[in-house]
Amino acid sequence: MGLNETLKAISDPARRDILSMLKGGRKSAGEIAEHFNLTGATVSYHLAKLKSADLICEEKYKNYIYYELNASVFEEVLTWIYQLGGK
């Protein structure tokens, strides 16, 4: 994914909240949904957007899907931001 997709994905407050939650470690979709006053479908939509921007990755285990941060994408964004301040 490109930088535009990444920035668009993190522009939504709910998605930023999900990313903050995942900073503490992997969580199931159900654990993530418990923290929001949103429908399951809406939480799934946000997770899909984050996944398509490569900000999170998923792992299926038995009947659950677990999500965790993909830190390498954040490193790319930070590198780009630092380059803006360069000479």
C-alpha atoms as a PDB file:
ATOM      1  CA  MET A   1       0.000   0.000   0.000  1.00  0.00           C
ATOM      2  CA  GLY A   2       1.026   3.549  -0.562  1.00  0.00           C
ATOM      3  CA  LEU A   3       1.381   6.480   1.737  1.00  0.00           C
ATOM      4  CA  ASN A   4      -1.968   7.963   0.659  1.00  0.00           C
ATOM      5  CA  GLU A   5      -3.859   4.836   1.690  1.00  0.00           C
ATOM      6  CA  THR A   6      -2.020   4.734   5.010  1.00  0.00           C
ATOM      7  CA  LEU A   7      -2.771   8.363   5.839  1.00  0.00           C
ATOM      8  CA  LYS A   8      -6.399   7.938   4.799  1.00  0.00           C
ATOM      9  CA  ALA A   9      -6.731   4.863   7.026  1.00  0.00           C
ATOM     10  CA  ILE A  10      -5.380   6.661  10.098  1.00  0.00           C
ATOM     11  CA  SER A  11      -7.508   9.750   9.474  1.00  0.00           C
ATOM     12  CA  ASP A  12     -10.512   8.117  11.165  1.00  0.00           C
ATOM     13  CA  PRO A  13     -10.662   8.439  14.986  1.00  0.00           C
ATOM     14  CA  ALA A  14     -12.098   4.940  15.485  1.00  0.00           C
ATOM     15  CA  ARG A  15      -9.268   3.412  13.475  1.00  0.00           C
ATOM     16  CA  ARG A  16      -6.699   5.378  15.465  1.00  0.00           C
ATOM     17  CA  ASP A  17      -8.323   4.055  18.655  1.00  0.00           C
ATOM     18  CA  ILE A  18      -8.042   0.506  17.321  1.00  0.00           C
ATOM     19  CA  LEU A  19      -4.366   1.061  16.545  1.00  0.00           C
ATOM     20  CA  SER A  20      -3.809   2.401  20.067  1.00  0.00           C
ATOM     21  CA  MET A  21      -5.485  -0.683  21.525  1.00  0.00           C
ATOM     22  CA  LEU A  22      -3.278  -2.967  19.468  1.00  0.00           C
ATOM     23  CA  LYS A  23      -0.191  -1.193  20.740  1.00  0.00           C
ATOM     24  CA  GLY A  24      -0.660  -3.274  23.895  1.00  0.00           C
ATOM     25  CA  GLY A  25      -0.570  -6.545  21.963  1.00  0.00           C
ATOM     26  CA  ARG A  26      -2.736  -8.654  19.713  1.00  0.00           C
ATOM     27  CA  LYS A  27      -6.478  -8.714  20.259  1.00  0.00           C
ATOM     28  CA  SER A  28      -9.375 -10.647  18.804  1.00  0.00           C
ATOM     29  CA  ALA A  29     -12.043  -8.890  16.792  1.00  0.00           C
ATOM     30  CA  GLY A  30     -14.450  -9.433  19.693  1.00  0.00           C
ATOM     31  CA  GLU A  31     -12.073  -7.850  22.197  1.00  0.00           C
ATOM     32  CA  ILE A  32     -11.707  -4.838  19.930  1.00  0.00           C
ATOM     33  CA  ALA A  33     -15.462  -4.515  19.375  1.00  0.00           C
ATOM     34  CA  GLU A  34     -16.141  -4.506  23.143  1.00  0.00           C
ATOM     35  CA  HIS A  35     -14.470  -1.096  23.415  1.00  0.00           C
ATOM     36  CA  PHE A  36     -16.715   0.649  20.902  1.00  0.00           C
ATOM     37  CA  ASN A  37     -20.325   1.672  20.692  1.00  0.00           C
ATOM     38  CA  LEU A  38     -20.430   0.458  17.094  1.00  0.00           C
ATOM     39  CA  THR A  39     -22.033  -2.463  15.325  1.00  0.00           C
ATOM     40  CA  GLY A  40     -19.909  -5.512  14.655  1.00  0.00           C
ATOM     41  CA  ALA A  41     -20.154  -4.770  10.951  1.00  0.00           C
ATOM     42  CA  THR A  42     -18.756  -1.268  11.467  1.00  0.00           C
ATOM     43  CA  VAL A  43     -15.836  -2.566  13.526  1.00  0.00           C
ATOM     44  CA  SER A  44     -15.174  -5.172  10.818  1.00  0.00           C
ATOM     45  CA  TYR A  45     -15.207  -2.386   8.218  1.00  0.00           C
ATOM     46  CA  HIS A  46     -12.591  -0.404  10.177  1.00  0.00           C
ATOM     47  CA  LEU A  47     -10.436  -3.511  10.642  1.00  0.00           C
ATOM     48  CA  ALA A  48     -10.633  -4.217   6.909  1.00  0.00           C
ATOM     49  CA  LYS A  49      -9.528  -0.649   6.120  1.00  0.00           C
ATOM     50  CA  LEU A  50      -6.570  -0.935   8.493  1.00  0.00           C
ATOM     51  CA  LYS A  51      -5.663  -4.312   7.055  1.00  0.00           C
ATOM     52  CA  SER A  52      -5.865  -3.104   3.442  1.00  0.00           C
ATOM     53  CA  ALA A  53      -3.540  -0.217   4.380  1.00  0.00           C
ATOM     54  CA  ASP A  54      -1.190  -2.869   5.816  1.00  0.00           C
ATOM     55  CA  LEU A  55      -1.302  -1.195   9.245  1.00  0.00           C
ATOM     56  CA  ILE A  56      -2.440  -4.388  10.945  1.00  0.00           C
ATOM     57  CA  CYS A  57      -2.101  -8.068  10.225  1.00  0.00           C
ATOM     58  CA  GLU A  58      -4.418 -10.875  11.164  1.00  0.00           C
ATOM     59  CA  GLU A  59      -3.913 -14.400  12.343  1.00  0.00           C
ATOM     60  CA  LYS A  60      -6.655 -17.006  12.452  1.00  0.00           C
ATOM     61  CA  TYR A  61      -6.662 -19.369  15.394  1.00  0.00           C
ATOM     62  CA  LYS A  62      -9.515 -21.848  15.811  1.00  0.00           C
ATOM     63  CA  ASN A  63     -12.723 -19.773  15.580  1.00  0.00           C
ATOM     64  CA  TYR A  64     -11.049 -16.419  16.239  1.00  0.00           C
ATOM     65  CA  ILE A  65      -9.196 -13.830  14.239  1.00  0.00           C
ATOM     66  CA  TYR A  66      -6.479 -11.938  16.080  1.00  0.00           C
ATOM     67  CA  TYR A  67      -5.131  -8.589  14.964  1.00  0.00           C
ATOM     68  CA  GLU A  68      -1.805  -6.938  15.690  1.00  0.00           C
ATOM     69  CA  LEU A  69       0.133  -3.886  14.546  1.00  0.00           C
ATOM     70  CA  ASN A  70       2.411  -3.953  11.541  1.00  0.00           C
ATOM     71  CA  ALA A  71       5.128  -1.597  12.808  1.00  0.00           C
ATOM     72  CA  SER A  72       7.075  -1.534   9.532  1.00  0.00           C
ATOM     73  CA  VAL A  73       4.416   0.641   7.874  1.00  0.00           C
ATOM     74  CA  PHE A  74       4.651   3.192  10.684  1.00  0.00           C
ATOM     75  CA  GLU A  75       8.406   3.286  10.207  1.00  0.00           C
ATOM     76  CA  GLU A  76       7.897   4.121   6.520  1.00  0.00           C
ATOM     77  CA  VAL A  77       5.478   6.954   7.383  1.00  0.00           C
ATOM     78  CA  LEU A  78       7.868   8.375   9.982  1.00  0.00           C
ATOM     79  CA  THR A  79      10.739   8.232   7.507  1.00  0.00           C
ATOM     80  CA  TRP A  80       8.678  10.177   4.993  1.00  0.00           C
ATOM     81  CA  ILE A  81       7.724  12.786   7.621  1.00  0.00           C
ATOM     82  CA  TYR A  82      11.355  13.193   8.711  1.00  0.00           C
ATOM     83  CA  GLN A  83      12.384  13.684   5.094  1.00  0.00           C
ATOM     84  CA  LEU A  84      10.004  16.641   4.848  1.00  0.00           C
ATOM     85  CA  GLY A  85      12.057  18.456   7.457  1.00  0.00           C
ATOM     86  CA  GLY A  86      15.353  17.642   5.737  1.00  0.00           C
ATOM     87  CA  LYS A  87      17.480  20.051   3.764  1.00  0.00           C
END
